[in-house]
């Protein structure tokens, strides 16, 4: 009976190294996590300033970016466990009762409806060949190539990475002007991000190990 193909075969990712995602076509990606702003609570003048600033920011880019919004059911079990622990350690009986009521309230709130958490990301690309566009057919064939790591010499990789993070710094600076805090994901965070995306059920029960403990090859 033939062994089922690994999911990795169909993923465009070939490795994660030094805070970069390396794709099978040899291009690099960095991922920036961004904070949000409550646009609805801003005054009309502030809203117009944000819109104008965003337009200027987008027009200043000379390369494409991808904006990703991730919605996940908020897991507050660790928070409830910590509250229960504090309740047991509480010596003041009145505070203990209040904490117990608060825990019951939170549990009831969760039962009434799912609480979703949203995360915002910007994916920044770098193509060593100058962002040359490939046809759909070329990209389609790329997906079904054998899953092999693209070996880059360290000097070449560091040169590509430097160019990529110049773009990252530019974007972070532009977002700061809009009042948005942004930070690039490191290697550990990237591994966790993709692990959670492709293993949504398992990731709730089993967390990914730290990079130094993972028995995998990081390109």
N, C-alpha and C. Protein backbone atom coordinates (compact mmCIF):
# COMPACT_ATOMS: atom_id res chain seq x y z
N UNK A 1 0.85 -1.19 0.00
CA UNK A 1 0.00 0.00 0.00
C UNK A 1 0.89 1.24 0.00
N UNK A 2 0.71 2.14 -0.95
CA UNK A 2 1.59 3.33 -1.02
C UNK A 2 1.42 4.23 0.18
N UNK A 3 2.52 4.79 0.61
CA UNK A 3 2.49 5.69 1.75
C UNK A 3 1.86 7.02 1.34
N UNK A 4 0.90 7.54 2.12
CA UNK A 4 0.25 8.81 1.74
C UNK A 4 1.26 9.95 1.71
N UNK A 5 1.04 10.83 0.75
CA UNK A 5 1.97 11.96 0.58
C UNK A 5 1.87 12.92 1.76
N UNK A 6 3.01 13.47 2.14
CA UNK A 6 3.04 14.43 3.23
C UNK A 6 2.41 15.74 2.78
N UNK A 7 1.73 16.40 3.74
CA UNK A 7 1.13 17.71 3.44
C UNK A 7 2.20 18.69 3.01
N UNK A 8 3.42 18.52 3.55
CA UNK A 8 4.51 19.44 3.24
C UNK A 8 4.79 19.50 1.74
N UNK A 9 4.46 18.39 1.05
CA UNK A 9 4.70 18.34 -0.39
C UNK A 9 3.91 19.41 -1.12
N UNK A 10 2.74 19.75 -0.59
CA UNK A 10 1.86 20.68 -1.28
C UNK A 10 1.96 22.11 -0.75
N UNK A 11 2.81 22.33 0.24
CA UNK A 11 2.99 23.67 0.78
C UNK A 11 4.08 24.40 0.00
N UNK A 12 3.94 25.70 -0.19
CA UNK A 12 4.96 26.46 -0.93
C UNK A 12 6.20 26.75 -0.10
N UNK A 13 6.15 26.45 1.20
CA UNK A 13 7.24 26.78 2.11
C UNK A 13 8.28 25.66 2.12
N UNK A 14 9.54 26.05 2.01
CA UNK A 14 10.60 25.05 2.07
C UNK A 14 11.45 25.17 3.33
N UNK A 15 11.39 26.30 4.02
CA UNK A 15 12.16 26.44 5.25
C UNK A 15 11.92 27.77 5.93
N UNK A 16 12.30 27.82 7.20
CA UNK A 16 12.23 29.06 7.98
C UNK A 16 13.59 29.27 8.61
N UNK A 17 14.14 30.45 8.39
CA UNK A 17 15.50 30.71 8.86
C UNK A 17 15.68 32.18 9.17
N UNK A 18 16.23 32.47 10.33
CA UNK A 18 16.56 33.85 10.72
C UNK A 18 15.40 34.81 10.48
N UNK A 19 14.23 34.44 10.96
CA UNK A 19 13.04 35.29 10.90
C UNK A 19 12.49 35.45 9.48
N UNK A 20 12.89 34.58 8.57
CA UNK A 20 12.42 34.63 7.19
C UNK A 20 11.75 33.31 6.80
N UNK A 21 10.74 33.41 5.95
CA UNK A 21 10.14 32.23 5.35
C UNK A 21 10.72 32.09 3.94
N UNK A 22 11.26 30.92 3.63
CA UNK A 22 11.85 30.68 2.32
C UNK A 22 10.90 29.79 1.53
N UNK A 23 10.48 30.27 0.37
CA UNK A 23 9.56 29.51 -0.47
C UNK A 23 10.32 28.64 -1.46
N UNK A 24 9.60 27.68 -2.05
CA UNK A 24 10.23 26.72 -2.96
C UNK A 24 10.76 27.38 -4.23
N UNK A 25 10.24 28.57 -4.56
CA UNK A 25 10.72 29.24 -5.76
C UNK A 25 11.94 30.12 -5.47
N UNK A 26 12.45 30.06 -4.22
CA UNK A 26 13.66 30.80 -3.87
C UNK A 26 13.41 32.21 -3.38
N UNK A 27 12.17 32.64 -3.32
CA UNK A 27 11.85 33.97 -2.81
C UNK A 27 11.70 33.93 -1.28
N UNK A 28 11.80 35.09 -0.66
CA UNK A 28 11.72 35.19 0.80
C UNK A 28 10.47 35.96 1.20
N UNK A 29 10.01 35.68 2.42
CA UNK A 29 8.89 36.41 2.99
C UNK A 29 9.21 36.74 4.45
N UNK A 30 8.81 37.94 4.86
CA UNK A 30 8.80 38.31 6.27
C UNK A 30 7.35 38.59 6.64
N UNK A 31 7.01 38.36 7.89
CA UNK A 31 5.64 38.58 8.34
C UNK A 31 5.66 39.59 9.48
N UNK A 32 4.87 40.64 9.35
CA UNK A 32 4.78 41.69 10.36
C UNK A 32 3.43 41.58 11.07
N UNK A 33 3.44 41.54 12.38
CA UNK A 33 2.19 41.58 13.15
C UNK A 33 1.89 43.03 13.49
N UNK A 34 0.63 43.41 13.28
CA UNK A 34 0.24 44.81 13.46
C UNK A 34 -0.86 44.94 14.51
N UNK A 35 -0.83 46.06 15.20
CA UNK A 35 -1.92 46.38 16.12
C UNK A 35 -3.08 46.95 15.30
N UNK A 36 -4.21 47.15 15.94
CA UNK A 36 -5.37 47.73 15.26
C UNK A 36 -5.70 49.08 15.88
N UNK A 37 -6.49 49.86 15.18
CA UNK A 37 -6.99 51.12 15.73
C UNK A 37 -8.51 51.11 15.59
N UNK A 38 -9.19 51.70 16.56
CA UNK A 38 -10.65 51.75 16.51
C UNK A 38 -11.07 52.96 15.68
N UNK A 39 -11.22 52.72 14.38
CA UNK A 39 -11.50 53.79 13.43
C UNK A 39 -12.84 54.47 13.74
N UNK A 40 -13.83 53.68 14.18
CA UNK A 40 -15.17 54.21 14.41
C UNK A 40 -15.21 55.23 15.54
N UNK A 41 -14.27 55.11 16.48
CA UNK A 41 -14.27 56.03 17.62
C UNK A 41 -13.51 57.32 17.35
N UNK A 42 -12.87 57.40 16.19
CA UNK A 42 -12.13 58.60 15.84
C UNK A 42 -13.08 59.70 15.36
N UNK A 43 -12.66 60.93 15.53
CA UNK A 43 -13.44 62.05 15.00
C UNK A 43 -13.34 62.06 13.48
N UNK A 44 -14.20 62.81 12.83
CA UNK A 44 -14.19 62.86 11.37
C UNK A 44 -12.85 63.38 10.85
N UNK A 45 -12.28 64.35 11.55
CA UNK A 45 -10.99 64.90 11.15
C UNK A 45 -9.90 63.84 11.27
N UNK A 46 -9.93 63.08 12.37
CA UNK A 46 -8.94 62.03 12.56
C UNK A 46 -9.11 60.92 11.53
N UNK A 47 -10.35 60.56 11.22
CA UNK A 47 -10.60 59.53 10.22
C UNK A 47 -10.06 59.94 8.86
N UNK A 48 -10.30 61.20 8.49
CA UNK A 48 -9.79 61.69 7.19
C UNK A 48 -8.27 61.68 7.16
N UNK A 49 -7.65 62.01 8.30
CA UNK A 49 -6.18 62.01 8.37
C UNK A 49 -5.64 60.59 8.22
N UNK A 50 -6.33 59.62 8.85
CA UNK A 50 -5.90 58.22 8.75
C UNK A 50 -6.04 57.72 7.32
N UNK A 51 -7.17 58.03 6.67
CA UNK A 51 -7.39 57.60 5.29
C UNK A 51 -6.35 58.20 4.36
N UNK A 52 -6.08 59.48 4.53
CA UNK A 52 -5.08 60.15 3.71
C UNK A 52 -3.70 59.56 3.93
N UNK A 53 -3.36 59.30 5.20
CA UNK A 53 -2.07 58.70 5.52
C UNK A 53 -1.94 57.31 4.95
N UNK A 54 -3.03 56.54 4.98
CA UNK A 54 -3.00 55.17 4.45
C UNK A 54 -2.80 55.19 2.94
N UNK A 55 -3.47 56.12 2.26
CA UNK A 55 -3.31 56.24 0.80
C UNK A 55 -1.87 56.58 0.45
N UNK A 56 -1.29 57.52 1.19
CA UNK A 56 0.10 57.90 0.95
C UNK A 56 1.05 56.74 1.22
N UNK A 57 0.74 55.97 2.27
CA UNK A 57 1.58 54.81 2.62
C UNK A 57 1.54 53.77 1.51
N UNK A 58 0.35 53.43 1.02
CA UNK A 58 0.22 52.44 -0.05
C UNK A 58 0.91 52.91 -1.32
N UNK A 59 0.74 54.20 -1.66
CA UNK A 59 1.35 54.73 -2.88
C UNK A 59 2.88 54.79 -2.79
N UNK A 60 3.41 54.78 -1.57
CA UNK A 60 4.86 54.85 -1.40
C UNK A 60 5.54 53.50 -1.63
N UNK A 61 4.76 52.44 -1.66
CA UNK A 61 5.33 51.10 -1.82
C UNK A 61 5.62 50.83 -3.28
N UNK A 62 6.79 50.24 -3.54
CA UNK A 62 7.17 49.88 -4.90
C UNK A 62 7.19 48.36 -5.08
N UNK A 63 6.63 47.65 -4.12
CA UNK A 63 6.54 46.20 -4.20
C UNK A 63 5.19 45.79 -3.61
N UNK A 64 4.70 44.60 -3.94
CA UNK A 64 3.40 44.19 -3.42
C UNK A 64 3.49 43.75 -1.96
N UNK A 65 2.40 43.88 -1.22
CA UNK A 65 2.29 43.34 0.12
C UNK A 65 0.97 42.58 0.22
N UNK A 66 0.89 41.71 1.18
CA UNK A 66 -0.35 40.97 1.42
C UNK A 66 -0.81 41.26 2.85
N UNK A 67 -2.04 41.70 2.99
CA UNK A 67 -2.62 41.98 4.29
C UNK A 67 -3.51 40.80 4.69
N UNK A 68 -3.23 40.21 5.83
CA UNK A 68 -3.95 39.01 6.29
C UNK A 68 -4.60 39.29 7.63
N UNK A 69 -5.88 38.97 7.74
CA UNK A 69 -6.61 39.08 9.01
C UNK A 69 -6.98 37.67 9.45
N UNK A 70 -6.51 37.29 10.60
CA UNK A 70 -6.75 35.93 11.11
C UNK A 70 -7.73 35.99 12.28
N UNK A 71 -8.81 35.24 12.17
CA UNK A 71 -9.81 35.16 13.25
C UNK A 71 -9.76 33.78 13.88
N UNK A 72 -9.64 33.74 15.18
CA UNK A 72 -9.60 32.48 15.91
C UNK A 72 -10.46 32.59 17.15
N UNK A 73 -11.07 31.47 17.53
CA UNK A 73 -11.82 31.43 18.77
C UNK A 73 -10.85 31.67 19.93
N UNK A 74 -11.17 32.62 20.78
CA UNK A 74 -10.27 32.99 21.87
C UNK A 74 -10.27 31.90 22.93
N UNK A 75 -9.09 31.38 23.23
CA UNK A 75 -8.95 30.35 24.26
C UNK A 75 -8.55 31.03 25.57
N UNK A 76 -9.49 31.08 26.52
CA UNK A 76 -9.20 31.74 27.80
C UNK A 76 -9.11 30.72 28.94
N UNK A 77 -8.95 29.44 28.58
CA UNK A 77 -8.80 28.41 29.62
C UNK A 77 -7.63 28.70 30.55
N UNK A 78 -6.45 29.08 30.01
CA UNK A 78 -5.34 29.40 30.93
C UNK A 78 -5.69 30.54 31.88
N UNK A 79 -6.44 31.53 31.39
CA UNK A 79 -6.85 32.65 32.22
C UNK A 79 -7.78 32.19 33.34
N UNK A 80 -8.73 31.32 33.00
CA UNK A 80 -9.66 30.79 34.01
C UNK A 80 -8.93 29.92 35.03
N UNK A 81 -7.95 29.15 34.56
CA UNK A 81 -7.18 28.31 35.46
C UNK A 81 -6.37 29.16 36.45
N UNK A 82 -5.83 30.26 35.95
CA UNK A 82 -5.08 31.16 36.82
C UNK A 82 -6.00 31.81 37.85
N UNK A 83 -7.22 32.19 37.43
CA UNK A 83 -8.18 32.77 38.37
C UNK A 83 -8.58 31.76 39.44
N UNK A 84 -8.77 30.52 39.04
CA UNK A 84 -9.13 29.47 40.00
C UNK A 84 -8.02 29.25 41.01
N UNK A 85 -6.78 29.31 40.53
CA UNK A 85 -5.64 29.15 41.43
C UNK A 85 -5.58 30.29 42.44
N UNK A 86 -5.81 31.52 41.96
CA UNK A 86 -5.78 32.68 42.84
C UNK A 86 -6.94 32.64 43.83
N UNK A 87 -8.07 32.11 43.39
CA UNK A 87 -9.22 32.01 44.28
C UNK A 87 -8.92 31.07 45.46
N UNK A 88 -8.27 29.96 45.15
CA UNK A 88 -7.94 29.00 46.21
C UNK A 88 -6.93 29.58 47.20
N UNK A 89 -6.07 30.47 46.71
CA UNK A 89 -5.04 31.05 47.58
C UNK A 89 -5.54 32.28 48.33
N UNK A 90 -6.72 32.77 47.96
CA UNK A 90 -7.26 33.97 48.58
C UNK A 90 -7.71 33.70 50.02
N UNK A 91 -7.24 34.51 50.94
CA UNK A 91 -7.58 34.32 52.37
C UNK A 91 -8.77 35.18 52.79
N UNK A 92 -9.03 36.25 52.03
CA UNK A 92 -10.17 37.10 52.33
C UNK A 92 -11.43 36.44 51.77
N UNK A 93 -12.36 36.07 52.64
CA UNK A 93 -13.54 35.31 52.22
C UNK A 93 -14.42 36.10 51.25
N UNK A 94 -14.55 37.42 51.48
CA UNK A 94 -15.37 38.24 50.59
C UNK A 94 -14.77 38.29 49.19
N UNK A 95 -13.46 38.51 49.11
CA UNK A 95 -12.80 38.53 47.81
C UNK A 95 -12.87 37.17 47.13
N UNK A 96 -12.82 36.13 47.92
CA UNK A 96 -12.90 34.78 47.38
C UNK A 96 -14.26 34.55 46.72
N UNK A 97 -15.33 35.01 47.37
CA UNK A 97 -16.68 34.88 46.81
C UNK A 97 -16.81 35.70 45.53
N UNK A 98 -16.24 36.90 45.54
CA UNK A 98 -16.31 37.77 44.36
C UNK A 98 -15.56 37.15 43.17
N UNK A 99 -14.42 36.56 43.44
CA UNK A 99 -13.65 35.91 42.39
C UNK A 99 -14.41 34.71 41.83
N UNK A 100 -15.07 33.95 42.72
CA UNK A 100 -15.84 32.80 42.28
C UNK A 100 -17.00 33.23 41.38
N UNK A 101 -17.66 34.32 41.77
CA UNK A 101 -18.76 34.85 40.96
C UNK A 101 -18.26 35.35 39.61
N UNK A 102 -17.07 35.98 39.62
CA UNK A 102 -16.50 36.49 38.38
C UNK A 102 -16.16 35.35 37.42
N UNK A 103 -15.59 34.27 37.96
CA UNK A 103 -15.26 33.10 37.14
C UNK A 103 -16.53 32.51 36.53
N UNK A 104 -17.58 32.41 37.34
CA UNK A 104 -18.85 31.88 36.85
C UNK A 104 -19.43 32.77 35.75
N UNK A 105 -19.26 34.09 35.91
CA UNK A 105 -19.77 35.04 34.92
C UNK A 105 -19.03 34.88 33.59
N UNK A 106 -17.71 34.73 33.65
CA UNK A 106 -16.91 34.56 32.43
C UNK A 106 -17.31 33.27 31.71
N UNK A 107 -17.49 32.19 32.46
CA UNK A 107 -17.87 30.91 31.85
C UNK A 107 -19.24 31.02 31.18
N UNK A 108 -20.16 31.71 31.84
CA UNK A 108 -21.50 31.89 31.27
C UNK A 108 -21.44 32.75 30.01
N UNK A 109 -20.57 33.75 30.02
CA UNK A 109 -20.41 34.63 28.85
C UNK A 109 -19.90 33.84 27.66
N UNK A 110 -18.98 32.91 27.91
CA UNK A 110 -18.42 32.10 26.83
C UNK A 110 -19.49 31.18 26.24
N UNK A 111 -20.35 30.64 27.11
CA UNK A 111 -21.41 29.74 26.64
C UNK A 111 -22.43 30.45 25.77
N UNK A 112 -22.64 31.73 26.01
CA UNK A 112 -23.63 32.49 25.26
C UNK A 112 -23.19 32.76 23.82
N UNK A 113 -21.91 32.84 23.61
CA UNK A 113 -21.42 33.11 22.26
C UNK A 113 -19.91 32.97 22.19
N UNK A 114 -19.43 32.64 21.00
CA UNK A 114 -18.00 32.49 20.80
C UNK A 114 -17.31 33.85 20.81
N UNK A 115 -16.23 33.92 21.55
CA UNK A 115 -15.43 35.14 21.60
C UNK A 115 -14.26 34.97 20.65
N UNK A 116 -14.21 35.83 19.64
CA UNK A 116 -13.18 35.69 18.61
C UNK A 116 -12.05 36.68 18.84
N UNK A 117 -10.86 36.23 18.55
CA UNK A 117 -9.68 37.09 18.61
C UNK A 117 -9.17 37.31 17.19
N UNK A 118 -8.86 38.54 16.86
CA UNK A 118 -8.37 38.86 15.52
C UNK A 118 -6.91 39.31 15.58
N UNK A 119 -6.14 38.82 14.64
CA UNK A 119 -4.75 39.22 14.51
C UNK A 119 -4.54 39.74 13.09
N UNK A 120 -3.69 40.76 12.98
CA UNK A 120 -3.47 41.41 11.70
C UNK A 120 -2.00 41.26 11.30
N UNK A 121 -1.79 40.82 10.06
CA UNK A 121 -0.43 40.58 9.57
C UNK A 121 -0.23 41.25 8.21
N UNK A 122 1.01 41.63 7.95
CA UNK A 122 1.41 42.07 6.61
C UNK A 122 2.55 41.16 6.17
N UNK A 123 2.37 40.55 5.00
CA UNK A 123 3.40 39.67 4.44
C UNK A 123 4.22 40.48 3.45
N UNK A 124 5.53 40.50 3.68
CA UNK A 124 6.43 41.30 2.85
C UNK A 124 7.30 40.36 2.01
N UNK A 125 7.28 40.50 0.68
CA UNK A 125 8.05 39.60 -0.18
C UNK A 125 9.39 40.18 -0.60
N UNK A 126 10.30 39.29 -0.97
CA UNK A 126 11.53 39.72 -1.65
C UNK A 126 11.90 38.65 -2.67
N UNK A 127 12.02 39.07 -3.90
CA UNK A 127 12.40 38.18 -4.99
C UNK A 127 13.80 38.55 -5.46
N UNK A 128 14.79 37.68 -5.27
CA UNK A 128 16.16 37.99 -5.70
C UNK A 128 16.27 38.29 -7.18
N UNK A 129 15.32 37.81 -7.99
CA UNK A 129 15.36 38.03 -9.44
C UNK A 129 14.65 39.31 -9.85
N UNK A 130 14.27 40.12 -8.85
CA UNK A 130 13.68 41.41 -9.16
C UNK A 130 12.17 41.38 -9.26
N UNK A 131 11.54 40.46 -8.47
CA UNK A 131 10.07 40.39 -8.45
C UNK A 131 9.48 40.17 -9.84
N UNK A 132 10.17 39.31 -10.64
CA UNK A 132 9.65 38.98 -11.97
C UNK A 132 8.40 38.13 -11.81
N UNK A 133 7.33 38.54 -12.46
CA UNK A 133 6.07 37.81 -12.33
C UNK A 133 6.13 36.51 -13.12
N UNK A 134 5.58 35.45 -12.51
CA UNK A 134 5.51 34.17 -13.20
C UNK A 134 4.07 33.90 -13.60
N UNK A 135 3.93 33.08 -14.62
CA UNK A 135 2.59 32.76 -15.10
C UNK A 135 1.89 31.83 -14.11
N UNK A 136 0.58 31.73 -14.26
CA UNK A 136 -0.20 30.82 -13.41
C UNK A 136 0.28 29.39 -13.59
N UNK A 137 0.59 29.00 -14.84
CA UNK A 137 1.03 27.63 -15.12
C UNK A 137 2.34 27.31 -14.41
N UNK A 138 3.25 28.28 -14.38
CA UNK A 138 4.53 28.07 -13.69
C UNK A 138 4.32 27.89 -12.19
N UNK A 139 3.44 28.69 -11.60
CA UNK A 139 3.14 28.58 -10.18
C UNK A 139 2.45 27.25 -9.88
N UNK A 140 1.58 26.81 -10.80
CA UNK A 140 0.86 25.56 -10.61
C UNK A 140 1.83 24.38 -10.59
N UNK A 141 2.79 24.38 -11.50
CA UNK A 141 3.78 23.31 -11.53
C UNK A 141 4.66 23.33 -10.29
N UNK A 142 4.94 24.52 -9.76
CA UNK A 142 5.79 24.67 -8.58
C UNK A 142 5.21 23.93 -7.38
N UNK A 143 3.87 23.95 -7.27
CA UNK A 143 3.20 23.33 -6.12
C UNK A 143 3.49 21.83 -6.06
N UNK A 144 3.60 21.19 -7.23
CA UNK A 144 3.71 19.74 -7.28
C UNK A 144 5.16 19.25 -7.43
N UNK A 145 6.10 20.15 -7.24
CA UNK A 145 7.49 19.73 -7.24
C UNK A 145 7.80 18.95 -5.97
N UNK A 146 8.79 18.08 -6.03
CA UNK A 146 9.18 17.31 -4.84
C UNK A 146 9.61 18.25 -3.74
N UNK A 147 9.23 17.97 -2.49
CA UNK A 147 9.58 18.86 -1.37
C UNK A 147 11.05 18.76 -1.00
N UNK A 148 11.85 19.61 -1.54
CA UNK A 148 13.27 19.61 -1.24
C UNK A 148 13.68 21.00 -0.82
N UNK A 149 14.64 21.07 0.10
CA UNK A 149 15.10 22.37 0.58
C UNK A 149 16.00 23.03 -0.46
N UNK A 150 15.78 24.33 -0.65
CA UNK A 150 16.63 25.11 -1.53
C UNK A 150 17.83 25.56 -0.73
N UNK A 151 18.98 25.07 -1.10
CA UNK A 151 20.18 25.37 -0.34
C UNK A 151 20.76 26.71 -0.79
N UNK A 152 20.80 27.64 0.12
CA UNK A 152 21.38 28.95 -0.16
C UNK A 152 22.68 29.08 0.61
N UNK A 153 23.68 29.62 -0.02
CA UNK A 153 24.89 29.92 0.70
C UNK A 153 24.59 31.01 1.71
N UNK A 154 25.26 30.95 2.85
CA UNK A 154 24.96 31.87 3.93
C UNK A 154 25.11 33.33 3.49
N UNK A 155 26.16 33.64 2.74
CA UNK A 155 26.39 35.02 2.32
C UNK A 155 25.25 35.51 1.42
N UNK A 156 24.81 34.64 0.50
CA UNK A 156 23.72 35.02 -0.40
C UNK A 156 22.43 35.22 0.38
N UNK A 157 22.16 34.31 1.31
CA UNK A 157 20.94 34.42 2.10
C UNK A 157 20.93 35.71 2.92
N UNK A 158 22.06 36.01 3.56
CA UNK A 158 22.13 37.22 4.39
C UNK A 158 21.95 38.47 3.55
N UNK A 159 22.43 38.43 2.31
CA UNK A 159 22.26 39.58 1.42
C UNK A 159 20.78 39.75 1.07
N UNK A 160 20.12 38.66 0.76
CA UNK A 160 18.69 38.72 0.45
C UNK A 160 17.90 39.17 1.68
N UNK A 161 18.28 38.64 2.83
CA UNK A 161 17.57 38.98 4.07
C UNK A 161 17.70 40.47 4.39
N UNK A 162 18.89 41.01 4.16
CA UNK A 162 19.11 42.44 4.41
C UNK A 162 18.18 43.28 3.56
N UNK A 163 18.04 42.91 2.28
CA UNK A 163 17.15 43.66 1.39
C UNK A 163 15.70 43.52 1.82
N UNK A 164 15.32 42.32 2.25
CA UNK A 164 13.95 42.08 2.70
C UNK A 164 13.62 42.94 3.91
N UNK A 165 14.54 43.00 4.88
CA UNK A 165 14.24 43.72 6.10
C UNK A 165 14.37 45.24 5.95
N UNK A 166 14.97 45.69 4.86
CA UNK A 166 14.87 47.11 4.53
C UNK A 166 13.42 47.46 4.22
N UNK A 167 12.76 46.55 3.53
CA UNK A 167 11.34 46.74 3.24
C UNK A 167 10.51 46.67 4.53
N UNK A 168 10.86 45.73 5.38
CA UNK A 168 10.15 45.58 6.66
C UNK A 168 10.25 46.86 7.48
N UNK A 169 11.46 47.40 7.58
CA UNK A 169 11.66 48.64 8.35
C UNK A 169 10.88 49.80 7.75
N UNK A 170 10.85 49.85 6.42
CA UNK A 170 10.11 50.92 5.74
C UNK A 170 8.62 50.84 6.06
N UNK A 171 8.08 49.62 6.05
CA UNK A 171 6.65 49.43 6.32
C UNK A 171 6.34 49.75 7.77
N UNK A 172 7.17 49.30 8.69
CA UNK A 172 6.94 49.57 10.12
C UNK A 172 6.95 51.07 10.37
N UNK A 173 7.87 51.78 9.73
CA UNK A 173 7.95 53.23 9.87
C UNK A 173 6.69 53.90 9.32
N UNK A 174 6.21 53.42 8.17
CA UNK A 174 5.01 53.99 7.57
C UNK A 174 3.77 53.74 8.42
N UNK A 175 3.68 52.55 9.01
CA UNK A 175 2.54 52.23 9.87
C UNK A 175 2.56 53.05 11.16
N UNK A 176 3.76 53.33 11.65
CA UNK A 176 3.88 54.14 12.88
C UNK A 176 3.27 55.52 12.67
N UNK A 177 3.38 56.05 11.45
CA UNK A 177 2.79 57.34 11.15
C UNK A 177 1.27 57.31 11.16
N UNK A 178 0.69 56.10 11.07
CA UNK A 178 -0.76 55.95 11.13
C UNK A 178 -1.24 55.59 12.53
N UNK A 179 -0.29 55.51 13.47
CA UNK A 179 -0.64 55.14 14.83
C UNK A 179 -0.77 53.65 15.03
N UNK A 180 -0.17 52.87 14.14
CA UNK A 180 -0.24 51.41 14.21
C UNK A 180 1.12 50.87 14.63
N UNK A 181 1.15 50.12 15.72
CA UNK A 181 2.37 49.47 16.15
C UNK A 181 2.56 48.17 15.36
N UNK A 182 3.79 47.91 14.96
CA UNK A 182 4.06 46.73 14.17
C UNK A 182 5.40 46.14 14.56
N UNK A 183 5.50 44.81 14.49
CA UNK A 183 6.75 44.13 14.83
C UNK A 183 6.89 42.90 13.94
N UNK A 184 8.09 42.64 13.40
CA UNK A 184 8.27 41.44 12.56
C UNK A 184 8.30 40.18 13.43
N UNK A 185 7.72 39.11 12.93
CA UNK A 185 7.73 37.84 13.65
C UNK A 185 9.11 37.21 13.55
N UNK A 186 9.58 36.66 14.68
CA UNK A 186 10.86 35.96 14.66
C UNK A 186 10.63 34.51 14.24
N UNK A 187 11.71 33.73 14.20
CA UNK A 187 11.62 32.35 13.73
C UNK A 187 10.62 31.52 14.52
N UNK A 188 10.68 31.62 15.85
CA UNK A 188 9.76 30.86 16.69
C UNK A 188 8.31 31.24 16.41
N UNK A 189 8.05 32.54 16.28
CA UNK A 189 6.69 33.02 16.04
C UNK A 189 6.18 32.58 14.68
N UNK A 190 7.06 32.55 13.68
CA UNK A 190 6.67 32.10 12.35
C UNK A 190 6.28 30.63 12.36
N UNK A 191 7.09 29.82 13.06
CA UNK A 191 6.78 28.39 13.16
C UNK A 191 5.43 28.18 13.83
N UNK A 192 5.19 28.91 14.92
CA UNK A 192 3.92 28.79 15.63
C UNK A 192 2.76 29.25 14.76
N UNK A 193 2.97 30.32 14.00
CA UNK A 193 1.91 30.86 13.14
C UNK A 193 1.46 29.81 12.13
N UNK A 194 2.40 29.22 11.40
CA UNK A 194 2.05 28.24 10.38
C UNK A 194 1.56 26.93 10.99
N UNK A 195 2.09 26.58 12.14
CA UNK A 195 1.60 25.39 12.84
C UNK A 195 0.13 25.56 13.21
N UNK A 196 -0.23 26.75 13.71
CA UNK A 196 -1.62 27.01 14.09
C UNK A 196 -2.54 27.08 12.88
N UNK A 197 -2.02 27.60 11.76
CA UNK A 197 -2.84 27.71 10.54
C UNK A 197 -3.17 26.33 9.98
N UNK A 198 -2.15 25.46 9.88
CA UNK A 198 -2.35 24.17 9.23
C UNK A 198 -2.78 23.07 10.21
N UNK A 199 -2.74 23.37 11.50
CA UNK A 199 -3.18 22.40 12.51
C UNK A 199 -4.07 23.09 13.54
N UNK A 200 -5.21 23.63 13.11
CA UNK A 200 -6.05 24.43 14.02
C UNK A 200 -6.57 23.65 15.22
N UNK A 201 -6.86 22.37 15.05
CA UNK A 201 -7.38 21.56 16.15
C UNK A 201 -6.27 21.11 17.08
N UNK A 202 -5.20 20.56 16.47
CA UNK A 202 -4.09 20.04 17.27
C UNK A 202 -3.38 21.15 18.05
N UNK A 203 -3.33 22.35 17.48
CA UNK A 203 -2.59 23.44 18.11
C UNK A 203 -3.21 23.87 19.43
N UNK A 204 -4.52 23.60 19.60
CA UNK A 204 -5.18 23.94 20.85
C UNK A 204 -4.74 23.00 21.97
N UNK A 205 -4.54 21.73 21.61
CA UNK A 205 -4.21 20.71 22.60
C UNK A 205 -2.71 20.53 22.78
N UNK A 206 -1.96 20.75 21.71
CA UNK A 206 -0.51 20.51 21.77
C UNK A 206 0.23 21.70 21.18
N UNK A 207 0.97 22.39 22.01
CA UNK A 207 1.73 23.56 21.57
C UNK A 207 3.02 23.12 20.91
N UNK A 208 3.49 23.95 20.00
CA UNK A 208 4.74 23.65 19.31
C UNK A 208 5.92 23.88 20.24
N UNK A 209 6.96 23.07 20.07
CA UNK A 209 8.16 23.19 20.90
C UNK A 209 8.95 24.44 20.51
N UNK A 210 9.84 24.83 21.41
CA UNK A 210 10.75 25.93 21.10
C UNK A 210 11.71 25.51 19.99
N UNK A 211 12.19 26.49 19.24
CA UNK A 211 13.04 26.21 18.10
C UNK A 211 14.24 25.34 18.48
N UNK A 212 14.87 25.66 19.61
CA UNK A 212 16.07 24.92 19.98
C UNK A 212 15.78 23.46 20.34
N UNK A 213 14.49 23.15 20.59
CA UNK A 213 14.13 21.79 20.95
C UNK A 213 13.56 20.99 19.77
N UNK A 214 13.28 21.69 18.67
CA UNK A 214 12.69 21.03 17.52
C UNK A 214 13.74 20.20 16.78
N UNK A 215 13.38 18.97 16.49
CA UNK A 215 14.30 18.09 15.76
C UNK A 215 14.01 18.18 14.25
N UNK A 216 14.16 19.40 13.72
CA UNK A 216 13.92 19.62 12.30
C UNK A 216 15.05 20.46 11.74
N UNK A 217 15.14 20.45 10.44
CA UNK A 217 16.18 21.26 9.79
C UNK A 217 15.61 22.61 9.45
N UNK A 218 16.24 23.64 9.98
CA UNK A 218 15.87 25.01 9.61
C UNK A 218 16.89 25.50 8.61
N UNK A 219 16.42 25.79 7.45
CA UNK A 219 17.33 26.14 6.36
C UNK A 219 18.20 27.33 6.72
